[in-house]
């Protein structure tokens, strides 16, 4: 009997050694994106938001503070207002043209943005982000496995936008909500690495939205804290169009 037990035990050890290791199957792109849709609130609810107004405040590395107002409207309109010490700077995209007014930089008249900066502003106008309807937008997505973001396991996605730019998204492995993005850009001939950390998710009209956004860029850290978010409000299209010189 003892001999039989030993032979069975040895056989079990040999089978374990010779058998291939069990590896958790990596989720497909479709499974991951569908999980993301559900985590945010559902694709139908995402598409139901036709406009958005966000207000908040930004704290810089040296303690500087500014107030921020962001207006978004379908299909591709965006206007951000950044106010410091009573001076308001504007960047906007009307669906075709990106422009700015930047008194802090000595630019008090509206001017069209350079192509590289305009492309970044255009990306901000898509408030659904690159994951929603990614195929229709011409984006490509690959699942790169998992990684750790500040102690949290995350699914790592590589998104190649239609224009060739690459952004890495990290989705919380449990909730599938985005918790970090990274990208490398060239702005006015200078390479730039940008990391964005997303947190403090709250439900607004059935959608999960981050109320804390930390941006690490060029050694500087800016923290955007959202105060209010409103959906499906009336926003005049004129706010997104570049005014004539001398206008505000």
C-alpha atoms as a PDB file:
ATOM      1  CA  UNK A   1       0.000   0.000   0.000  1.00  0.00           C
ATOM      2  CA  UNK A   2       2.821   2.420   0.893  1.00  0.00           C
ATOM      3  CA  UNK A   3       4.504   1.696  -2.418  1.00  0.00           C
ATOM      4  CA  UNK A   4       1.288   2.404  -4.281  1.00  0.00           C
ATOM      5  CA  UNK A   5       0.867   5.754  -2.486  1.00  0.00           C
ATOM      6  CA  UNK A   6       4.438   6.708  -3.344  1.00  0.00           C
ATOM      7  CA  UNK A   7       3.946   5.821  -7.020  1.00  0.00           C
ATOM      8  CA  UNK A   8       0.746   7.891  -7.173  1.00  0.00           C
ATOM      9  CA  UNK A   9       2.454  10.855  -5.475  1.00  0.00           C
ATOM     10  CA  UNK A  10       5.450  10.679  -7.832  1.00  0.00           C
ATOM     11  CA  UNK A  11       3.144  10.439 -10.828  1.00  0.00           C
ATOM     12  CA  UNK A  12       1.296  13.530  -9.629  1.00  0.00           C
ATOM     13  CA  UNK A  13       4.534  15.504  -9.216  1.00  0.00           C
ATOM     14  CA  UNK A  14       5.740  14.489 -12.697  1.00  0.00           C
ATOM     15  CA  UNK A  15       2.413  15.469 -14.252  1.00  0.00           C
ATOM     16  CA  UNK A  16       2.580  18.856 -12.522  1.00  0.00           C
ATOM     17  CA  UNK A  17       6.116  19.524 -13.712  1.00  0.00           C
ATOM     18  CA  UNK A  18       5.437  18.458 -17.296  1.00  0.00           C
ATOM     19  CA  UNK A  19       2.076  20.210 -17.652  1.00  0.00           C
ATOM     20  CA  UNK A  20       2.088  23.763 -19.109  1.00  0.00           C
ATOM     21  CA  UNK A  21       1.460  26.531 -16.555  1.00  0.00           C
ATOM     22  CA  UNK A  22      -2.068  27.899 -16.269  1.00  0.00           C
ATOM     23  CA  UNK A  23      -2.065  31.489 -17.517  1.00  0.00           C
ATOM     24  CA  UNK A  24      -5.015  33.832 -17.090  1.00  0.00           C
ATOM     25  CA  UNK A  25      -6.448  34.618 -20.491  1.00  0.00           C
ATOM     26  CA  UNK A  26      -5.927  38.221 -21.546  1.00  0.00           C
ATOM     27  CA  UNK A  27      -9.222  39.986 -22.277  1.00  0.00           C
ATOM     28  CA  UNK A  28      -9.883  40.923 -25.876  1.00  0.00           C
ATOM     29  CA  UNK A  29     -10.166  44.533 -27.024  1.00  0.00           C
ATOM     30  CA  UNK A  30     -13.918  44.085 -27.487  1.00  0.00           C
ATOM     31  CA  UNK A  31     -14.385  42.646 -23.982  1.00  0.00           C
ATOM     32  CA  UNK A  32     -12.325  45.446 -22.442  1.00  0.00           C
ATOM     33  CA  UNK A  33     -14.100  48.252 -24.294  1.00  0.00           C
ATOM     34  CA  UNK A  34     -17.542  46.813 -23.567  1.00  0.00           C
ATOM     35  CA  UNK A  35     -16.565  46.575 -19.899  1.00  0.00           C
ATOM     36  CA  UNK A  36     -15.438  50.199 -20.012  1.00  0.00           C
ATOM     37  CA  UNK A  37     -18.784  51.272 -21.501  1.00  0.00           C
ATOM     38  CA  UNK A  38     -20.660  49.513 -18.694  1.00  0.00           C
ATOM     39  CA  UNK A  39     -18.370  50.992 -16.031  1.00  0.00           C
ATOM     40  CA  UNK A  40     -18.927  54.548 -17.260  1.00  0.00           C
ATOM     41  CA  UNK A  41     -22.703  54.168 -17.470  1.00  0.00           C
ATOM     42  CA  UNK A  42     -23.536  52.521 -20.766  1.00  0.00           C
ATOM     43  CA  UNK A  43     -22.971  53.489 -24.394  1.00  0.00           C
ATOM     44  CA  UNK A  44     -26.501  54.839 -24.872  1.00  0.00           C
ATOM     45  CA  UNK A  45     -26.146  57.164 -21.889  1.00  0.00           C
ATOM     46  CA  UNK A  46     -22.718  58.324 -23.094  1.00  0.00           C
ATOM     47  CA  UNK A  47     -24.172  59.217 -26.492  1.00  0.00           C
ATOM     48  CA  UNK A  48     -27.158  60.968 -24.902  1.00  0.00           C
ATOM     49  CA  UNK A  49     -24.975  63.803 -23.577  1.00  0.00           C
ATOM     50  CA  UNK A  50     -25.079  66.525 -26.219  1.00  0.00           C
ATOM     51  CA  UNK A  51     -23.357  69.275 -24.236  1.00  0.00           C
ATOM     52  CA  UNK A  52     -21.376  69.681 -21.044  1.00  0.00           C
ATOM     53  CA  UNK A  53     -20.221  72.544 -18.831  1.00  0.00           C
ATOM     54  CA  UNK A  54     -17.545  71.914 -16.215  1.00  0.00           C
ATOM     55  CA  UNK A  55     -16.159  74.365 -13.695  1.00  0.00           C
ATOM     56  CA  UNK A  56     -13.209  73.814 -11.406  1.00  0.00           C
ATOM     57  CA  UNK A  57      -9.935  75.130 -10.111  1.00  0.00           C
ATOM     58  CA  UNK A  58      -6.312  74.290 -10.861  1.00  0.00           C
ATOM     59  CA  UNK A  59      -3.462  74.245  -8.361  1.00  0.00           C
ATOM     60  CA  UNK A  60       0.073  74.416  -9.744  1.00  0.00           C
ATOM     61  CA  UNK A  61       3.367  73.076  -8.402  1.00  0.00           C
ATOM     62  CA  UNK A  62       4.217  76.366  -6.686  1.00  0.00           C
ATOM     63  CA  UNK A  63       0.748  76.774  -5.186  1.00  0.00           C
ATOM     64  CA  UNK A  64      -0.572  79.050  -7.921  1.00  0.00           C
ATOM     65  CA  UNK A  65      -4.317  78.790  -8.442  1.00  0.00           C
ATOM     66  CA  UNK A  66      -6.654  79.418 -11.337  1.00  0.00           C
ATOM     67  CA  UNK A  67     -10.316  78.868 -12.112  1.00  0.00           C
ATOM     68  CA  UNK A  68     -11.332  76.857 -15.160  1.00  0.00           C
ATOM     69  CA  UNK A  69     -14.527  76.650 -17.210  1.00  0.00           C
ATOM     70  CA  UNK A  70     -14.821  74.040 -19.952  1.00  0.00           C
ATOM     71  CA  UNK A  71     -17.655  74.001 -22.509  1.00  0.00           C
ATOM     72  CA  UNK A  72     -18.207  71.018 -24.825  1.00  0.00           C
ATOM     73  CA  UNK A  73     -20.857  70.473 -27.479  1.00  0.00           C
ATOM     74  CA  UNK A  74     -21.427  67.865 -30.133  1.00  0.00           C
ATOM     75  CA  UNK A  75     -20.249  67.115 -32.642  1.00  0.00           C
ATOM     76  CA  UNK A  76     -16.795  68.645 -32.043  1.00  0.00           C
ATOM     77  CA  UNK A  77     -16.890  71.977 -30.234  1.00  0.00           C
ATOM     78  CA  UNK A  78     -14.772  72.998 -27.239  1.00  0.00           C
ATOM     79  CA  UNK A  79     -13.999  76.177 -25.303  1.00  0.00           C
ATOM     80  CA  UNK A  80     -11.824  76.397 -22.191  1.00  0.00           C
ATOM     81  CA  UNK A  81     -11.402  79.520 -20.087  1.00  0.00           C
ATOM     82  CA  UNK A  82      -8.459  79.723 -17.678  1.00  0.00           C
ATOM     83  CA  UNK A  83      -8.565  82.689 -15.277  1.00  0.00           C
ATOM     84  CA  UNK A  84      -5.618  83.793 -13.131  1.00  0.00           C
ATOM     85  CA  UNK A  85      -5.712  86.979 -11.025  1.00  0.00           C
ATOM     86  CA  UNK A  86      -8.627  88.338 -13.043  1.00  0.00           C
ATOM     87  CA  UNK A  87      -7.037  87.624 -16.429  1.00  0.00           C
ATOM     88  CA  UNK A  88      -8.883  85.118 -18.633  1.00  0.00           C
ATOM     89  CA  UNK A  89      -7.160  83.061 -21.318  1.00  0.00           C
ATOM     90  CA  UNK A  90      -9.249  81.208 -23.904  1.00  0.00           C
ATOM     91  CA  UNK A  91      -8.652  78.207 -26.165  1.00  0.00           C
ATOM     92  CA  UNK A  92     -11.436  77.007 -28.428  1.00  0.00           C
ATOM     93  CA  UNK A  93     -12.328  74.777 -31.361  1.00  0.00           C
ATOM     94  CA  UNK A  94     -15.441  75.358 -33.454  1.00  0.00           C
ATOM     95  CA  UNK A  95     -15.369  72.050 -35.315  1.00  0.00           C
ATOM     96  CA  UNK A  96     -13.019  73.415 -37.966  1.00  0.00           C
ATOM     97  CA  UNK A  97     -10.684  76.053 -36.538  1.00  0.00           C
ATOM     98  CA  UNK A  98      -8.722  76.178 -33.279  1.00  0.00           C
ATOM     99  CA  UNK A  99      -7.929  79.573 -31.800  1.00  0.00           C
ATOM    100  CA  UNK A 100      -6.887  81.319 -28.614  1.00  0.00           C
ATOM    101  CA  UNK A 101      -6.726  84.590 -26.709  1.00  0.00           C
ATOM    102  CA  UNK A 102      -3.868  84.578 -24.189  1.00  0.00           C
ATOM    103  CA  UNK A 103      -3.290  87.854 -22.297  1.00  0.00           C
ATOM    104  CA  UNK A 104      -0.861  86.061 -19.963  1.00  0.00           C
ATOM    105  CA  UNK A 105       1.366  85.516 -23.003  1.00  0.00           C
ATOM    106  CA  UNK A 106       0.820  89.049 -24.316  1.00  0.00           C
ATOM    107  CA  UNK A 107      -1.682  87.825 -26.928  1.00  0.00           C
ATOM    108  CA  UNK A 108      -4.758  89.998 -26.389  1.00  0.00           C
ATOM    109  CA  UNK A 109      -6.213  89.513 -29.871  1.00  0.00           C
ATOM    110  CA  UNK A 110      -7.722  86.229 -31.093  1.00  0.00           C
ATOM    111  CA  UNK A 111      -5.310  84.169 -33.187  1.00  0.00           C
ATOM    112  CA  UNK A 112      -5.427  80.834 -34.952  1.00  0.00           C
ATOM    113  CA  UNK A 113      -3.415  78.134 -33.178  1.00  0.00           C
ATOM    114  CA  UNK A 114      -0.389  76.438 -34.793  1.00  0.00           C
ATOM    115  CA  UNK A 115      -1.156  73.051 -36.359  1.00  0.00           C
ATOM    116  CA  UNK A 116       0.407  70.901 -33.606  1.00  0.00           C
ATOM    117  CA  UNK A 117      -1.378  72.710 -30.780  1.00  0.00           C
ATOM    118  CA  UNK A 118      -4.593  72.835 -32.820  1.00  0.00           C
ATOM    119  CA  UNK A 119      -4.505  69.044 -33.159  1.00  0.00           C
ATOM    120  CA  UNK A 120      -4.320  68.658 -29.372  1.00  0.00           C
ATOM    121  CA  UNK A 121      -7.213  71.093 -28.884  1.00  0.00           C
ATOM    122  CA  UNK A 122      -9.226  69.204 -31.483  1.00  0.00           C
ATOM    123  CA  UNK A 123      -8.697  66.022 -29.464  1.00  0.00           C
ATOM    124  CA  UNK A 124     -10.082  67.746 -26.374  1.00  0.00           C
ATOM    125  CA  UNK A 125     -13.235  68.614 -28.322  1.00  0.00           C
ATOM    126  CA  UNK A 126     -14.131  64.920 -28.485  1.00  0.00           C
ATOM    127  CA  UNK A 127     -15.529  64.680 -24.962  1.00  0.00           C
ATOM    128  CA  UNK A 128     -16.405  60.995 -25.470  1.00  0.00           C
ATOM    129  CA  UNK A 129     -12.663  60.307 -25.686  1.00  0.00           C
ATOM    130  CA  UNK A 130     -10.798  57.973 -28.049  1.00  0.00           C
ATOM    131  CA  UNK A 131     -12.282  54.732 -26.652  1.00  0.00           C
ATOM    132  CA  UNK A 132     -15.925  55.420 -27.545  1.00  0.00           C
ATOM    133  CA  UNK A 133     -16.753  54.363 -31.125  1.00  0.00           C
ATOM    134  CA  UNK A 134     -13.021  54.017 -31.695  1.00  0.00           C
ATOM    135  CA  UNK A 135     -13.329  52.076 -34.952  1.00  0.00           C
ATOM    136  CA  UNK A 136     -15.600  54.684 -36.544  1.00  0.00           C
ATOM    137  CA  UNK A 137     -13.060  57.346 -35.558  1.00  0.00           C
ATOM    138  CA  UNK A 138     -10.242  55.421 -37.234  1.00  0.00           C
ATOM    139  CA  UNK A 139      -8.484  54.624 -33.943  1.00  0.00           C
ATOM    140  CA  UNK A 140      -6.737  51.296 -33.295  1.00  0.00           C
ATOM    141  CA  UNK A 141      -6.519  49.647 -29.874  1.00  0.00           C
ATOM    142  CA  UNK A 142      -4.270  46.892 -28.510  1.00  0.00           C
ATOM    143  CA  UNK A 143      -4.403  45.293 -25.065  1.00  0.00           C
ATOM    144  CA  UNK A 144      -0.827  45.278 -23.723  1.00  0.00           C
ATOM    145  CA  UNK A 145      -1.528  43.238 -20.594  1.00  0.00           C
ATOM    146  CA  UNK A 146      -1.608  44.584 -17.049  1.00  0.00           C
ATOM    147  CA  UNK A 147       0.494  47.035 -15.071  1.00  0.00           C
ATOM    148  CA  UNK A 148       0.419  48.704 -11.671  1.00  0.00           C
ATOM    149  CA  UNK A 149      -0.642  52.326 -11.206  1.00  0.00           C
ATOM    150  CA  UNK A 150      -0.042  53.695  -7.713  1.00  0.00           C
ATOM    151  CA  UNK A 151      -0.676  50.290  -6.156  1.00  0.00           C
ATOM    152  CA  UNK A 152      -3.696  49.461  -8.323  1.00  0.00           C
ATOM    153  CA  UNK A 153      -3.719  46.698 -10.948  1.00  0.00           C
ATOM    154  CA  UNK A 154      -4.616  48.155 -14.323  1.00  0.00           C
ATOM    155  CA  UNK A 155      -5.362  46.916 -17.834  1.00  0.00           C
ATOM    156  CA  UNK A 156      -2.964  48.630 -20.238  1.00  0.00           C
ATOM    157  CA  UNK A 157      -4.283  49.746 -23.619  1.00  0.00           C
ATOM    158  CA  UNK A 158      -2.387  51.245 -26.535  1.00  0.00           C
ATOM    159  CA  UNK A 159      -4.556  53.602 -28.600  1.00  0.00           C
ATOM    160  CA  UNK A 160      -3.231  54.722 -31.973  1.00  0.00           C
ATOM    161  CA  UNK A 161      -5.300  57.670 -33.135  1.00  0.00           C
ATOM    162  CA  UNK A 162      -6.235  58.263 -36.754  1.00  0.00           C
ATOM    163  CA  UNK A 163      -3.500  60.910 -37.005  1.00  0.00           C
ATOM    164  CA  UNK A 164      -0.854  58.410 -35.823  1.00  0.00           C
ATOM    165  CA  UNK A 165      -0.452  59.762 -32.286  1.00  0.00           C
ATOM    166  CA  UNK A 166      -0.249  57.081 -29.589  1.00  0.00           C
ATOM    167  CA  UNK A 167      -1.802  57.294 -26.124  1.00  0.00           C
ATOM    168  CA  UNK A 168      -1.546  54.654 -23.403  1.00  0.00           C
ATOM    169  CA  UNK A 169      -4.654  54.168 -21.262  1.00  0.00           C
ATOM    170  CA  UNK A 170      -4.663  52.367 -17.914  1.00  0.00           C
ATOM    171  CA  UNK A 171      -8.058  51.056 -16.773  1.00  0.00           C
ATOM    172  CA  UNK A 172      -8.599  49.939 -13.182  1.00  0.00           C
ATOM    173  CA  UNK A 173      -8.618  46.136 -13.507  1.00  0.00           C
ATOM    174  CA  UNK A 174     -11.665  45.855 -11.237  1.00  0.00           C
ATOM    175  CA  UNK A 175     -13.848  48.769 -12.273  1.00  0.00           C
ATOM    176  CA  UNK A 176     -12.437  49.318 -15.822  1.00  0.00           C
ATOM    177  CA  UNK A 177     -12.580  53.075 -15.237  1.00  0.00           C
ATOM    178  CA  UNK A 178      -9.574  55.015 -16.626  1.00  0.00           C
ATOM    179  CA  UNK A 179      -7.069  55.916 -13.909  1.00  0.00           C
ATOM    180  CA  UNK A 180      -4.092  57.070 -15.988  1.00  0.00           C
ATOM    181  CA  UNK A 181      -3.077  58.086 -19.506  1.00  0.00           C
ATOM    182  CA  UNK A 182       0.361  58.793 -20.974  1.00  0.00           C
ATOM    183  CA  UNK A 183       1.366  60.286 -24.290  1.00  0.00           C
ATOM    184  CA  UNK A 184       4.405  61.694 -26.063  1.00  0.00           C
ATOM    185  CA  UNK A 185       3.951  64.701 -28.316  1.00  0.00           C
ATOM    186  CA  UNK A 186       6.051  67.198 -30.208  1.00  0.00           C
ATOM    187  CA  UNK A 187       4.870  70.756 -29.609  1.00  0.00           C
ATOM    188  CA  UNK A 188       6.545  73.522 -31.596  1.00  0.00           C
ATOM    189  CA  UNK A 189       9.512  71.240 -32.216  1.00  0.00           C
ATOM    190  CA  UNK A 190       9.959  70.242 -28.573  1.00  0.00           C
ATOM    191  CA  UNK A 191       9.303  66.674 -27.334  1.00  0.00           C
ATOM    192  CA  UNK A 192       6.801  66.513 -24.489  1.00  0.00           C
ATOM    193  CA  UNK A 193       5.769  63.611 -22.242  1.00  0.00           C
ATOM    194  CA  UNK A 194       2.419  63.999 -20.503  1.00  0.00           C
ATOM    195  CA  UNK A 195       0.945  61.836 -17.744  1.00  0.00           C
ATOM    196  CA  UNK A 196      -2.613  62.292 -16.520  1.00  0.00           C
ATOM    197  CA  UNK A 197      -3.944  60.644 -13.352  1.00  0.00           C
ATOM    198  CA  UNK A 198      -7.722  60.384 -12.958  1.00  0.00           C
ATOM    199  CA  UNK A 199      -9.594  59.804  -9.704  1.00  0.00           C
ATOM    200  CA  UNK A 200     -12.460  60.698  -7.363  1.00  0.00           C
ATOM    201  CA  UNK A 201     -15.090  59.301  -9.731  1.00  0.00           C
ATOM    202  CA  UNK A 202     -18.646  60.447  -9.069  1.00  0.00           C
ATOM    203  CA  UNK A 203     -21.957  59.814 -10.791  1.00  0.00           C
ATOM    204  CA  UNK A 204     -23.384  62.712 -12.779  1.00  0.00           C
ATOM    205  CA  UNK A 205     -26.632  62.004 -14.589  1.00  0.00           C
ATOM    206  CA  UNK A 206     -25.907  58.288 -14.626  1.00  0.00           C
ATOM    207  CA  UNK A 207     -22.324  58.676 -15.896  1.00  0.00           C
ATOM    208  CA  UNK A 208     -19.147  58.144 -13.887  1.00  0.00           C
ATOM    209  CA  UNK A 209     -16.904  61.201 -14.208  1.00  0.00           C
ATOM    210  CA  UNK A 210     -13.498  61.911 -12.584  1.00  0.00           C
ATOM    211  CA  UNK A 211     -13.525  64.965 -10.317  1.00  0.00           C
ATOM    212  CA  UNK A 212      -9.742  64.904  -9.721  1.00  0.00           C
ATOM    213  CA  UNK A 213      -7.255  65.184 -12.599  1.00  0.00           C
ATOM    214  CA  UNK A 214      -3.499  65.443 -12.045  1.00  0.00           C
ATOM    215  CA  UNK A 215      -1.339  66.394 -15.006  1.00  0.00           C
ATOM    216  CA  UNK A 216       2.435  65.808 -14.995  1.00  0.00           C
ATOM    217  CA  UNK A 217       4.202  67.622 -17.814  1.00  0.00           C
ATOM    218  CA  UNK A 218       7.744  68.902 -18.184  1.00  0.00           C
ATOM    219  CA  UNK A 219       8.492  68.504 -14.482  1.00  0.00           C
ATOM    220  CA  UNK A 220       5.406  70.499 -13.527  1.00  0.00           C
ATOM    221  CA  UNK A 221       2.366  69.085 -11.733  1.00  0.00           C
ATOM    222  CA  UNK A 222      -1.071  70.633 -12.036  1.00  0.00           C
ATOM    223  CA  UNK A 223      -4.099  69.353 -10.156  1.00  0.00           C
ATOM    224  CA  UNK A 224      -7.527  70.097 -11.579  1.00  0.00           C
ATOM    225  CA  UNK A 225     -10.381  69.703  -9.100  1.00  0.00           C
ATOM    226  CA  UNK A 226     -13.837  69.718 -10.662  1.00  0.00           C
ATOM    227  CA  UNK A 227     -16.478  71.708  -8.770  1.00  0.00           C
ATOM    228  CA  UNK A 228     -19.551  71.336 -10.991  1.00  0.00           C
ATOM    229  CA  UNK A 229     -20.608  69.362 -14.070  1.00  0.00           C
ATOM    230  CA  UNK A 230     -23.792  70.036 -16.037  1.00  0.00           C
ATOM    231  CA  UNK A 231     -25.099  67.972 -18.955  1.00  0.00           C
ATOM    232  CA  UNK A 232     -27.364  68.858 -21.873  1.00  0.00           C
ATOM    233  CA  UNK A 233     -27.498  72.582 -21.246  1.00  0.00           C
ATOM    234  CA  UNK A 234     -28.014  75.233 -23.940  1.00  0.00           C
ATOM    235  CA  UNK A 235     -24.684  76.590 -25.241  1.00  0.00           C
ATOM    236  CA  UNK A 236     -24.550  79.187 -28.018  1.00  0.00           C
ATOM    237  CA  UNK A 237     -22.399  78.063 -30.980  1.00  0.00           C
ATOM    238  CA  UNK A 238     -21.015  81.605 -31.190  1.00  0.00           C
ATOM    239  CA  UNK A 239     -18.924  80.930 -28.064  1.00  0.00           C
ATOM    240  CA  UNK A 240     -16.803  78.444 -30.019  1.00  0.00           C
ATOM    241  CA  UNK A 241     -16.152  80.667 -33.047  1.00  0.00           C
ATOM    242  CA  UNK A 242     -13.096  82.911 -33.219  1.00  0.00           C
ATOM    243  CA  UNK A 243     -14.191  86.548 -32.765  1.00  0.00           C
ATOM    244  CA  UNK A 244     -12.988  89.303 -34.993  1.00  0.00           C
ATOM    245  CA  UNK A 245      -9.992  91.302 -33.807  1.00  0.00           C
ATOM    246  CA  UNK A 246     -10.966  93.616 -30.990  1.00  0.00           C
ATOM    247  CA  UNK A 247     -13.814  91.350 -29.892  1.00  0.00           C
ATOM    248  CA  UNK A 248     -14.035  89.316 -26.695  1.00  0.00           C
END
